Protein backbone atom coordinates (compact mmCIF):
# COMPACT_ATOMS: atom_id res chain seq x y z
CA UNK A 1 -28.54 5.93 3.42
CA UNK A 2 -28.14 7.42 -0.07
CA UNK A 3 -28.84 4.18 -1.98
CA UNK A 4 -31.89 3.45 0.18
CA UNK A 5 -33.25 6.95 -0.45
CA UNK A 6 -32.67 6.63 -4.21
CA UNK A 7 -34.54 3.28 -4.30
CA UNK A 8 -37.44 4.79 -2.33
CA UNK A 9 -37.60 7.76 -4.73
CA UNK A 10 -37.51 5.41 -7.73
CA UNK A 11 -40.40 3.34 -6.36
CA UNK A 12 -42.44 6.48 -5.67
CA UNK A 13 -41.77 7.90 -9.15
CA UNK A 14 -42.98 4.66 -10.77
CA UNK A 15 -46.43 5.33 -9.34
CA UNK A 16 -46.97 8.71 -10.97
CA UNK A 17 -49.75 8.56 -13.57
CA UNK A 18 -49.44 10.38 -16.91
CA UNK A 19 -45.66 10.05 -16.90
CA UNK A 20 -43.80 9.37 -20.18
CA UNK A 21 -41.67 6.24 -20.53
CA UNK A 22 -39.27 5.07 -23.23
CA UNK A 23 -39.71 1.31 -23.51
CA UNK A 24 -37.02 -0.51 -25.49
CA UNK A 25 -36.30 -4.19 -25.94
CA UNK A 26 -33.66 -5.94 -28.02
CA UNK A 27 -33.32 -9.59 -29.08
CA UNK A 28 -30.74 -11.65 -27.15
CA UNK A 29 -27.40 -11.42 -28.91
CA UNK A 30 -29.02 -8.84 -31.22
CA UNK A 31 -30.90 -11.64 -32.96
CA UNK A 32 -33.96 -10.97 -35.10
CA UNK A 33 -37.09 -10.99 -32.93
CA UNK A 34 -39.71 -10.58 -35.68
CA UNK A 35 -38.64 -12.78 -38.60
CA UNK A 36 -42.02 -12.72 -40.37
CA UNK A 37 -44.64 -10.10 -41.15
CA UNK A 38 -47.25 -12.12 -39.24
CA UNK A 39 -45.12 -11.90 -36.08
CA UNK A 40 -44.79 -8.13 -36.56
CA UNK A 41 -48.58 -7.91 -36.99
CA UNK A 42 -49.09 -9.90 -33.78
CA UNK A 43 -46.78 -7.54 -31.87
CA UNK A 44 -48.69 -4.52 -33.21
CA UNK A 45 -51.98 -6.15 -32.18
CA UNK A 46 -50.60 -6.49 -28.63
CA UNK A 47 -49.76 -2.79 -28.65
CA UNK A 48 -53.35 -2.01 -29.56
CA UNK A 49 -54.60 -4.08 -26.62
CA UNK A 50 -52.46 -2.16 -24.10
CA UNK A 51 -54.80 0.83 -24.12
CA UNK A 52 -57.86 -1.15 -23.09
CA UNK A 53 -56.16 -3.66 -20.81
CA UNK A 54 -53.65 -1.50 -18.93
CA UNK A 55 -54.56 2.12 -19.69
CA UNK A 56 -51.22 2.67 -21.45
CA UNK A 57 -51.18 5.01 -24.42
CA UNK A 58 -48.82 4.28 -27.31
CA UNK A 59 -48.16 7.49 -29.23
CA UNK A 60 -45.60 6.09 -31.66
CA UNK A 61 -43.44 3.07 -32.22
CA UNK A 62 -40.28 2.08 -34.02
CA UNK A 63 -40.22 -1.63 -34.80
CA UNK A 64 -36.99 -2.99 -36.26
CA UNK A 65 -35.80 -6.53 -36.96
CA UNK A 66 -33.94 -6.96 -33.67
CA UNK A 67 -35.46 -4.35 -31.34
CA UNK A 68 -38.22 -1.82 -30.78
CA UNK A 69 -38.77 1.58 -29.16
CA UNK A 70 -42.09 2.72 -27.68
CA UNK A 71 -42.75 6.11 -26.10
CA UNK A 72 -45.62 5.43 -23.70
CA UNK A 73 -47.70 7.34 -21.22
CA UNK A 74 -49.74 5.64 -18.59
CA UNK A 75 -53.01 6.68 -17.04
CA UNK A 76 -52.90 3.97 -14.37
CA UNK A 77 -50.11 3.45 -11.80
CA UNK A 78 -48.46 0.29 -13.23
CA UNK A 79 -46.52 0.11 -16.49
CA UNK A 80 -44.67 -3.13 -15.58
CA UNK A 81 -47.48 -5.57 -16.48
CA UNK A 82 -47.97 -3.84 -19.82
CA UNK A 83 -44.26 -4.00 -20.57
CA UNK A 84 -44.18 -7.74 -19.79
CA UNK A 85 -47.09 -8.27 -22.19
CA UNK A 86 -45.16 -6.95 -25.21
CA UNK A 87 -41.97 -8.81 -24.34
């Protein structure tokens, strides 16, 4: 019963608008994921599109060679599609 309750609470909490999320992604095997400046620029352009497309606000970012960190806040109930866009 405990695991089922925790999963139900997790699903419900994922639907709360205006909640802060820490999105992080790392290259497989810690490999470089942005080897060129043009690929970094493309990633940053995708971040800019998130606001209009998914209602996700990006307040800061930390983009490194093999991973990134993004504190995000959503205005709409789904952050998953936005996260898949920047992967």
